[in-house]
Amino acid sequence: MAISKMTWPRGFIAILAGWFVPGVGRQPWIATGVLRTAETRWPEDATVHNAIGVILIRRGADDDAIKAFDNARAAAPDDPV
């Protein structure tokens, strides 16, 4: 347990590094004109759109499940579910 308390920030640091390293690495190329700003954007492809769709559908399913649990918890013992 003590080891897990010391290592929990590693995932958070890895996520932040995944955002900062590419952004910082592109800055000199954009500032000197070697890389155009349009080339630095995230690619719009089917994978990105698919991932966004899966996230939105999953969130909707989670919201529906939470509503169903709240309704079941609020129901009286004699009420039909």
PDB file of N, CA and C in Angstrom:
ATOM      1  N   MET A   1       0.818  -1.193   0.000  1.00  0.00           N
ATOM      2  CA  MET A   1       0.000   0.000   0.000  1.00  0.00           C
ATOM      3  C   MET A   1       0.863   1.259   0.000  1.00  0.00           C
ATOM      4  N   ALA A   2       1.976   1.202   0.704  1.00  0.00           N
ATOM      5  CA  ALA A   2       2.851   2.372   0.759  1.00  0.00           C
ATOM      6  C   ALA A   2       3.437   2.668  -0.617  1.00  0.00           C
ATOM      7  N   ILE A   3       3.741   1.625  -1.379  1.00  0.00           N
ATOM      8  CA  ILE A   3       4.298   1.834  -2.714  1.00  0.00           C
ATOM      9  C   ILE A   3       3.262   2.482  -3.624  1.00  0.00           C
ATOM     10  N   SER A   4       2.011   2.040  -3.527  1.00  0.00           N
ATOM     11  CA  SER A   4       0.978   2.633  -4.379  1.00  0.00           C
ATOM     12  C   SER A   4       0.728   4.089  -4.017  1.00  0.00           C
ATOM     13  N   LYS A   5       0.886   4.445  -2.764  1.00  0.00           N
ATOM     14  CA  LYS A   5       0.730   5.847  -2.370  1.00  0.00           C
ATOM     15  C   LYS A   5       1.821   6.713  -2.992  1.00  0.00           C
ATOM     16  N   MET A   6       3.005   6.144  -3.165  1.00  0.00           N
ATOM     17  CA  MET A   6       4.113   6.919  -3.725  1.00  0.00           C
ATOM     18  C   MET A   6       4.070   6.972  -5.244  1.00  0.00           C
ATOM     19  N   THR A   7       3.436   5.985  -5.879  1.00  0.00           N
ATOM     20  CA  THR A   7       3.497   5.909  -7.339  1.00  0.00           C
ATOM     21  C   THR A   7       2.249   6.429  -8.036  1.00  0.00           C
ATOM     22  N   TRP A   8       1.212   6.830  -7.326  1.00  0.00           N
ATOM     23  CA  TRP A   8      -0.020   7.255  -7.992  1.00  0.00           C
ATOM     24  C   TRP A   8       0.165   8.459  -8.893  1.00  0.00           C
ATOM     25  N   PRO A   9       1.081   9.403  -8.619  1.00  0.00           N
ATOM     26  CA  PRO A   9       1.195  10.549  -9.528  1.00  0.00           C
ATOM     27  C   PRO A   9       1.797  10.212 -10.888  1.00  0.00           C
ATOM     28  N   ARG A  10       2.381   9.045 -11.057  1.00  0.00           N
ATOM     29  CA  ARG A  10       3.049   8.719 -12.318  1.00  0.00           C
ATOM     30  C   ARG A  10       2.095   8.741 -13.508  1.00  0.00           C
ATOM     31  N   GLY A  11       0.906   8.217 -13.347  1.00  0.00           N
ATOM     32  CA  GLY A  11      -0.065   8.251 -14.442  1.00  0.00           C
ATOM     33  C   GLY A  11      -0.473   9.665 -14.795  1.00  0.00           C
ATOM     34  N   PHE A  12      -0.681  10.487 -13.784  1.00  0.00           N
ATOM     35  CA  PHE A  12      -1.052  11.887 -14.004  1.00  0.00           C
ATOM     36  C   PHE A  12       0.068  12.637 -14.717  1.00  0.00           C
ATOM     37  N   ILE A  13       1.293  12.412 -14.285  1.00  0.00           N
ATOM     38  CA  ILE A  13       2.447  13.058 -14.911  1.00  0.00           C
ATOM     39  C   ILE A  13       2.598  12.586 -16.361  1.00  0.00           C
ATOM     40  N   ALA A  14       2.346  11.313 -16.607  1.00  0.00           N
ATOM     41  CA  ALA A  14       2.447  10.788 -17.976  1.00  0.00           C
ATOM     42  C   ALA A  14       1.401  11.429 -18.890  1.00  0.00           C
ATOM     43  N   ILE A  15       0.201  11.624 -18.385  1.00  0.00           N
ATOM     44  CA  ILE A  15      -0.838  12.267 -19.191  1.00  0.00           C
ATOM     45  C   ILE A  15      -0.457  13.705 -19.510  1.00  0.00           C
ATOM     46  N   LEU A  16       0.011  14.438 -18.499  1.00  0.00           N
ATOM     47  CA  LEU A  16       0.424  15.817 -18.742  1.00  0.00           C
ATOM     48  C   LEU A  16       1.593  15.885 -19.714  1.00  0.00           C
ATOM     49  N   ALA A  17       2.552  14.990 -19.566  1.00  0.00           N
ATOM     50  CA  ALA A  17       3.707  14.982 -20.469  1.00  0.00           C
ATOM     51  C   ALA A  17       3.264  14.686 -21.898  1.00  0.00           C
ATOM     52  N   GLY A  18       2.259  13.830 -22.055  1.00  0.00           N
ATOM     53  CA  GLY A  18       1.755  13.520 -23.383  1.00  0.00           C
ATOM     54  C   GLY A  18       1.142  14.725 -24.077  1.00  0.00           C
ATOM     55  N   TRP A  19       0.636  15.683 -23.295  1.00  0.00           N
ATOM     56  CA  TRP A  19       0.106  16.913 -23.879  1.00  0.00           C
ATOM     57  C   TRP A  19       1.194  17.959 -24.082  1.00  0.00           C
ATOM     58  N   PHE A  20       2.072  18.112 -23.101  1.00  0.00           N
ATOM     59  CA  PHE A  20       3.055  19.194 -23.154  1.00  0.00           C
ATOM     60  C   PHE A  20       4.203  18.932 -24.121  1.00  0.00           C
ATOM     61  N   VAL A  21       4.711  17.725 -24.164  1.00  0.00           N
ATOM     62  CA  VAL A  21       5.893  17.446 -24.989  1.00  0.00           C
ATOM     63  C   VAL A  21       5.628  17.724 -26.472  1.00  0.00           C
ATOM     64  N   PRO A  22       4.535  17.243 -27.064  1.00  0.00           N
ATOM     65  CA  PRO A  22       4.320  17.574 -28.480  1.00  0.00           C
ATOM     66  C   PRO A  22       4.110  19.066 -28.713  1.00  0.00           C
ATOM     67  N   GLY A  23       3.401  19.721 -27.797  1.00  0.00           N
ATOM     68  CA  GLY A  23       3.159  21.157 -27.965  1.00  0.00           C
ATOM     69  C   GLY A  23       4.435  21.969 -27.884  1.00  0.00           C
ATOM     70  N   VAL A  24       5.270  21.681 -26.919  1.00  0.00           N
ATOM     71  CA  VAL A  24       6.530  22.403 -26.761  1.00  0.00           C
ATOM     72  C   VAL A  24       7.477  22.075 -27.904  1.00  0.00           C
ATOM     73  N   GLY A  25       7.457  20.838 -28.367  1.00  0.00           N
ATOM     74  CA  GLY A  25       8.325  20.451 -29.458  1.00  0.00           C
ATOM     75  C   GLY A  25       7.987  21.134 -30.772  1.00  0.00           C
ATOM     76  N   ARG A  26       6.732  21.502 -30.964  1.00  0.00           N
ATOM     77  CA  ARG A  26       6.322  22.160 -32.211  1.00  0.00           C
ATOM     78  C   ARG A  26       6.588  23.660 -32.198  1.00  0.00           C
ATOM     79  N   GLN A  27       6.714  24.271 -31.035  1.00  0.00           N
ATOM     80  CA  GLN A  27       6.800  25.725 -30.965  1.00  0.00           C
ATOM     81  C   GLN A  27       7.949  26.324 -31.774  1.00  0.00           C
ATOM     82  N   PRO A  28       9.173  25.828 -31.670  1.00  0.00           N
ATOM     83  CA  PRO A  28      10.248  26.458 -32.463  1.00  0.00           C
ATOM     84  C   PRO A  28      10.014  26.364 -33.965  1.00  0.00           C
ATOM     85  N   TRP A  29       9.427  25.259 -34.413  1.00  0.00           N
ATOM     86  CA  TRP A  29       9.194  25.081 -35.840  1.00  0.00           C
ATOM     87  C   TRP A  29       8.116  26.032 -36.346  1.00  0.00           C
ATOM     88  N   ILE A  30       7.123  26.303 -35.514  1.00  0.00           N
ATOM     89  CA  ILE A  30       6.063  27.239 -35.911  1.00  0.00           C
ATOM     90  C   ILE A  30       6.604  28.665 -35.894  1.00  0.00           C
ATOM     91  N   ALA A  31       7.381  29.017 -34.862  1.00  0.00           N
ATOM     92  CA  ALA A  31       7.895  30.381 -34.726  1.00  0.00           C
ATOM     93  C   ALA A  31       8.858  30.746 -35.855  1.00  0.00           C
ATOM     94  N   THR A  32       9.633  29.791 -36.342  1.00  0.00           N
ATOM     95  CA  THR A  32      10.598  30.093 -37.401  1.00  0.00           C
ATOM     96  C   THR A  32      10.002  29.944 -38.792  1.00  0.00           C
ATOM     97  N   GLY A  33       8.761  29.495 -38.890  1.00  0.00           N
ATOM     98  CA  GLY A  33       8.097  29.380 -40.183  1.00  0.00           C
ATOM     99  C   GLY A  33       8.358  28.079 -40.910  1.00  0.00           C
ATOM    100  N   VAL A  34       9.038  27.140 -40.283  1.00  0.00           N
ATOM    101  CA  VAL A  34       9.308  25.851 -40.926  1.00  0.00           C
ATOM    102  C   VAL A  34       8.034  25.029 -41.007  1.00  0.00           C
ATOM    103  N   LEU A  35       7.218  25.104 -39.967  1.00  0.00           N
ATOM    104  CA  LEU A  35       5.981  24.330 -39.896  1.00  0.00           C
ATOM    105  C   LEU A  35       4.804  25.302 -39.890  1.00  0.00           C
ATOM    106  N   ARG A  36       3.857  25.080 -40.779  1.00  0.00           N
ATOM    107  CA  ARG A  36       2.683  25.954 -40.825  1.00  0.00           C
ATOM    108  C   ARG A  36       1.735  25.621 -39.674  1.00  0.00           C
ATOM    109  N   THR A  37       0.975  26.601 -39.258  1.00  0.00           N
ATOM    110  CA  THR A  37       0.027  26.397 -38.164  1.00  0.00           C
ATOM    111  C   THR A  37      -1.021  25.350 -38.535  1.00  0.00           C
ATOM    112  N   ALA A  38      -1.445  25.330 -39.775  1.00  0.00           N
ATOM    113  CA  ALA A  38      -2.454  24.357 -40.209  1.00  0.00           C
ATOM    114  C   ALA A  38      -1.945  22.930 -40.105  1.00  0.00           C
ATOM    115  N   GLU A  39      -0.632  22.726 -40.205  1.00  0.00           N
ATOM    116  CA  GLU A  39      -0.072  21.381 -40.121  1.00  0.00           C
ATOM    117  C   GLU A  39       0.059  20.884 -38.689  1.00  0.00           C
ATOM    118  N   THR A  40      -0.126  21.740 -37.706  1.00  0.00           N
ATOM    119  CA  THR A  40       0.045  21.343 -36.305  1.00  0.00           C
ATOM    120  C   THR A  40      -1.243  20.855 -35.674  1.00  0.00           C
ATOM    121  N   ARG A  41      -2.352  21.004 -36.371  1.00  0.00           N
ATOM    122  CA  ARG A  41      -3.624  20.589 -35.783  1.00  0.00           C
ATOM    123  C   ARG A  41      -3.752  19.082 -35.737  1.00  0.00           C
ATOM    124  N   TRP A  42      -4.662  18.621 -34.872  1.00  0.00           N
ATOM    125  CA  TRP A  42      -4.959  17.198 -34.755  1.00  0.00           C
ATOM    126  C   TRP A  42      -5.580  16.714 -36.062  1.00  0.00           C
ATOM    127  N   PRO A  43      -5.161  15.572 -36.573  1.00  0.00           N
ATOM    128  CA  PRO A  43      -5.726  15.100 -37.840  1.00  0.00           C
ATOM    129  C   PRO A  43      -7.197  14.706 -37.679  1.00  0.00           C
ATOM    130  N   GLU A  44      -7.979  15.102 -38.634  1.00  0.00           N
ATOM    131  CA  GLU A  44      -9.395  14.728 -38.609  1.00  0.00           C
ATOM    132  C   GLU A  44      -9.564  13.478 -39.455  1.00  0.00           C
ATOM    133  N   ASP A  45      -9.599  12.360 -38.804  1.00  0.00           N
ATOM    134  CA  ASP A  45      -9.780  11.117 -39.544  1.00  0.00           C
ATOM    135  C   ASP A  45     -10.867  10.291 -38.865  1.00  0.00           C
ATOM    136  N   ALA A  46     -11.137   9.146 -39.453  1.00  0.00           N
ATOM    137  CA  ALA A  46     -12.222   8.300 -38.955  1.00  0.00           C
ATOM    138  C   ALA A  46     -11.954   7.812 -37.537  1.00  0.00           C
ATOM    139  N   THR A  47     -10.701   7.605 -37.181  1.00  0.00           N
ATOM    140  CA  THR A  47     -10.380   7.111 -35.843  1.00  0.00           C
ATOM    141  C   THR A  47     -10.761   8.123 -34.773  1.00  0.00           C
ATOM    142  N   VAL A  48     -10.449   9.379 -35.029  1.00  0.00           N
ATOM    143  CA  VAL A  48     -10.778  10.425 -34.057  1.00  0.00           C
ATOM    144  C   VAL A  48     -12.286  10.552 -33.910  1.00  0.00           C
ATOM    145  N   HIS A  49     -12.993  10.591 -35.029  1.00  0.00           N
ATOM    146  CA  HIS A  49     -14.449  10.705 -34.965  1.00  0.00           C
ATOM    147  C   HIS A  49     -15.068   9.483 -34.300  1.00  0.00           C
ATOM    148  N   ASN A  50     -14.525   8.313 -34.554  1.00  0.00           N
ATOM    149  CA  ASN A  50     -15.019   7.093 -33.934  1.00  0.00           C
ATOM    150  C   ASN A  50     -14.817   7.149 -32.422  1.00  0.00           C
ATOM    151  N   ALA A  51     -13.649   7.587 -31.989  1.00  0.00           N
ATOM    152  CA  ALA A  51     -13.375   7.677 -30.550  1.00  0.00           C
ATOM    153  C   ALA A  51     -14.323   8.655 -29.872  1.00  0.00           C
ATOM    154  N   ILE A  52     -14.566   9.787 -30.492  1.00  0.00           N
ATOM    155  CA  ILE A  52     -15.490  10.775 -29.924  1.00  0.00           C
ATOM    156  C   ILE A  52     -16.898  10.193 -29.848  1.00  0.00           C
ATOM    157  N   GLY A  53     -17.318   9.479 -30.888  1.00  0.00           N
ATOM    158  CA  GLY A  53     -18.643   8.865 -30.871  1.00  0.00           C
ATOM    159  C   GLY A  53     -18.785   7.827 -29.774  1.00  0.00           C
ATOM    160  N   VAL A  54     -17.764   7.008 -29.582  1.00  0.00           N
ATOM    161  CA  VAL A  54     -17.812   5.992 -28.523  1.00  0.00           C
ATOM    162  C   VAL A  54     -17.905   6.664 -27.156  1.00  0.00           C
ATOM    163  N   ILE A  55     -17.147   7.716 -26.950  1.00  0.00           N
ATOM    164  CA  ILE A  55     -17.182   8.427 -25.663  1.00  0.00           C
ATOM    165  C   ILE A  55     -18.567   9.012 -25.419  1.00  0.00           C
ATOM    166  N   LEU A  56     -19.170   9.628 -26.440  1.00  0.00           N
ATOM    167  CA  LEU A  56     -20.485  10.232 -26.260  1.00  0.00           C
ATOM    168  C   LEU A  56     -21.557   9.183 -26.001  1.00  0.00           C
ATOM    169  N   ILE A  57     -21.499   8.070 -26.728  1.00  0.00           N
ATOM    170  CA  ILE A  57     -22.486   7.009 -26.511  1.00  0.00           C
ATOM    171  C   ILE A  57     -22.319   6.407 -25.121  1.00  0.00           C
ATOM    172  N   ARG A  58     -21.091   6.197 -24.708  1.00  0.00           N
ATOM    173  CA  ARG A  58     -20.844   5.635 -23.377  1.00  0.00           C
ATOM    174  C   ARG A  58     -21.350   6.571 -22.295  1.00  0.00           C
ATOM    175  N   ARG A  59     -21.132   7.863 -22.486  1.00  0.00           N
ATOM    176  CA  ARG A  59     -21.607   8.821 -21.481  1.00  0.00           C
ATOM    177  C   ARG A  59     -23.131   8.797 -21.405  1.00  0.00           C
ATOM    178  N   GLY A  60     -23.796   8.710 -22.540  1.00  0.00           N
ATOM    179  CA  GLY A  60     -25.255   8.634 -22.538  1.00  0.00           C
ATOM    180  C   GLY A  60     -25.750   7.378 -21.839  1.00  0.00           C
ATOM    181  N   ALA A  61     -25.088   6.253 -22.069  1.00  0.00           N
ATOM    182  CA  ALA A  61     -25.473   5.005 -21.408  1.00  0.00           C
ATOM    183  C   ALA A  61     -25.250   5.107 -19.902  1.00  0.00           C
ATOM    184  N   ASP A  62     -24.141   5.729 -19.495  1.00  0.00           N
ATOM    185  CA  ASP A  62     -23.887   5.906 -18.053  1.00  0.00           C
ATOM    186  C   ASP A  62     -24.932   6.807 -17.419  1.00  0.00           C
ATOM    187  N   ASP A  63     -25.317   7.876 -18.119  1.00  0.00           N
ATOM    188  CA  ASP A  63     -26.353   8.768 -17.590  1.00  0.00           C
ATOM    189  C   ASP A  63     -27.679   8.034 -17.424  1.00  0.00           C
ATOM    190  N   ASP A  64     -28.041   7.212 -18.409  1.00  0.00           N
ATOM    191  CA  ASP A  64     -29.283   6.439 -18.310  1.00  0.00           C
ATOM    192  C   ASP A  64     -29.227   5.446 -17.150  1.00  0.00           C
ATOM    193  N   ALA A  65     -28.085   4.818 -16.943  1.00  0.00           N
ATOM    194  CA  ALA A  65     -27.954   3.866 -15.835  1.00  0.00           C
ATOM    195  C   ALA A  65     -28.074   4.579 -14.493  1.00  0.00           C
ATOM    196  N   ILE A  66     -27.487   5.748 -14.379  1.00  0.00           N
ATOM    197  CA  ILE A  66     -27.584   6.505 -13.128  1.00  0.00           C
ATOM    198  C   ILE A  66     -29.029   6.901 -12.860  1.00  0.00           C
ATOM    199  N   LYS A  67     -29.747   7.340 -13.899  1.00  0.00           N
ATOM    200  CA  LYS A  67     -31.159   7.690 -13.727  1.00  0.00           C
ATOM    201  C   LYS A  67     -31.972   6.473 -13.293  1.00  0.00           C
ATOM    202  N   ALA A  68     -31.696   5.315 -13.883  1.00  0.00           N
ATOM    203  CA  ALA A  68     -32.431   4.102 -13.522  1.00  0.00           C
ATOM    204  C   ALA A  68     -32.159   3.713 -12.075  1.00  0.00           C
ATOM    205  N   PHE A  69     -30.915   3.818 -11.640  1.00  0.00           N
ATOM    206  CA  PHE A  69     -30.602   3.502 -10.245  1.00  0.00           C
ATOM    207  C   PHE A  69     -31.259   4.494  -9.289  1.00  0.00           C
ATOM    208  N   ASP A  70     -31.261   5.772  -9.658  1.00  0.00           N
ATOM    209  CA  ASP A  70     -31.916   6.772  -8.810  1.00  0.00           C
ATOM    210  C   ASP A  70     -33.416   6.510  -8.706  1.00  0.00           C
ATOM    211  N   ASN A  71     -34.050   6.140  -9.826  1.00  0.00           N
ATOM    212  CA  ASN A  71     -35.481   5.823  -9.798  1.00  0.00           C
ATOM    213  C   ASN A  71     -35.758   4.598  -8.951  1.00  0.00           C
ATOM    214  N   ALA A  72     -34.920   3.582  -9.076  1.00  0.00           N
ATOM    215  CA  ALA A  72     -35.120   2.370  -8.287  1.00  0.00           C
ATOM    216  C   ALA A  72     -34.895   2.629  -6.799  1.00  0.00           C
ATOM    217  N   ARG A  73     -33.962   3.491  -6.479  1.00  0.00           N
ATOM    218  CA  ARG A  73     -33.686   3.799  -5.066  1.00  0.00           C
ATOM    219  C   ARG A  73     -34.822   4.631  -4.468  1.00  0.00           C
ATOM    220  N   ALA A  74     -35.416   5.515  -5.282  1.00  0.00           N
ATOM    221  CA  ALA A  74     -36.486   6.380  -4.783  1.00  0.00           C
ATOM    222  C   ALA A  74     -37.829   5.662  -4.679  1.00  0.00           C
ATOM    223  N   ALA A  75     -37.969   4.523  -5.340  1.00  0.00           N
ATOM    224  CA  ALA A  75     -39.238   3.795  -5.343  1.00  0.00           C
ATOM    225  C   ALA A  75     -39.486   3.165  -3.965  1.00  0.00           C
ATOM    226  N   ALA A  76     -40.759   3.124  -3.611  1.00  0.00           N
ATOM    227  CA  ALA A  76     -41.156   2.461  -2.362  1.00  0.00           C
ATOM    228  C   ALA A  76     -41.071   0.944  -2.563  1.00  0.00           C
ATOM    229  N   PRO A  77     -40.935   0.185  -1.484  1.00  0.00           N
ATOM    230  CA  PRO A  77     -40.812  -1.269  -1.624  1.00  0.00           C
ATOM    231  C   PRO A  77     -41.987  -1.927  -2.330  1.00  0.00           C
ATOM    232  N   ASP A  78     -43.176  -1.355  -2.251  1.00  0.00           N
ATOM    233  CA  ASP A  78     -44.349  -1.964  -2.885  1.00  0.00           C
ATOM    234  C   ASP A  78     -44.530  -1.545  -4.347  1.00  0.00           C
ATOM    235  N   ASP A  79     -43.791  -0.537  -4.805  1.00  0.00           N
ATOM    236  CA  ASP A  79     -43.936  -0.053  -6.190  1.00  0.00           C
ATOM    237  C   ASP A  79     -43.326  -1.057  -7.170  1.00  0.00           C
ATOM    238  N   PRO A  80     -43.975  -1.248  -8.329  1.00  0.00           N
ATOM    239  CA  PRO A  80     -43.349  -2.094  -9.356  1.00  0.00           C
ATOM    240  C   PRO A  80     -42.163  -1.356  -9.982  1.00  0.00           C
ATOM    241  N   VAL A  81     -41.167  -2.093 -10.346  1.00  0.00           N
ATOM    242  CA  VAL A  81     -39.953  -1.462 -10.902  1.00  0.00           C
ATOM    243  C   VAL A  81     -40.047  -1.338 -12.380  1.00  0.00           C
TER     244      VAL A  81
END
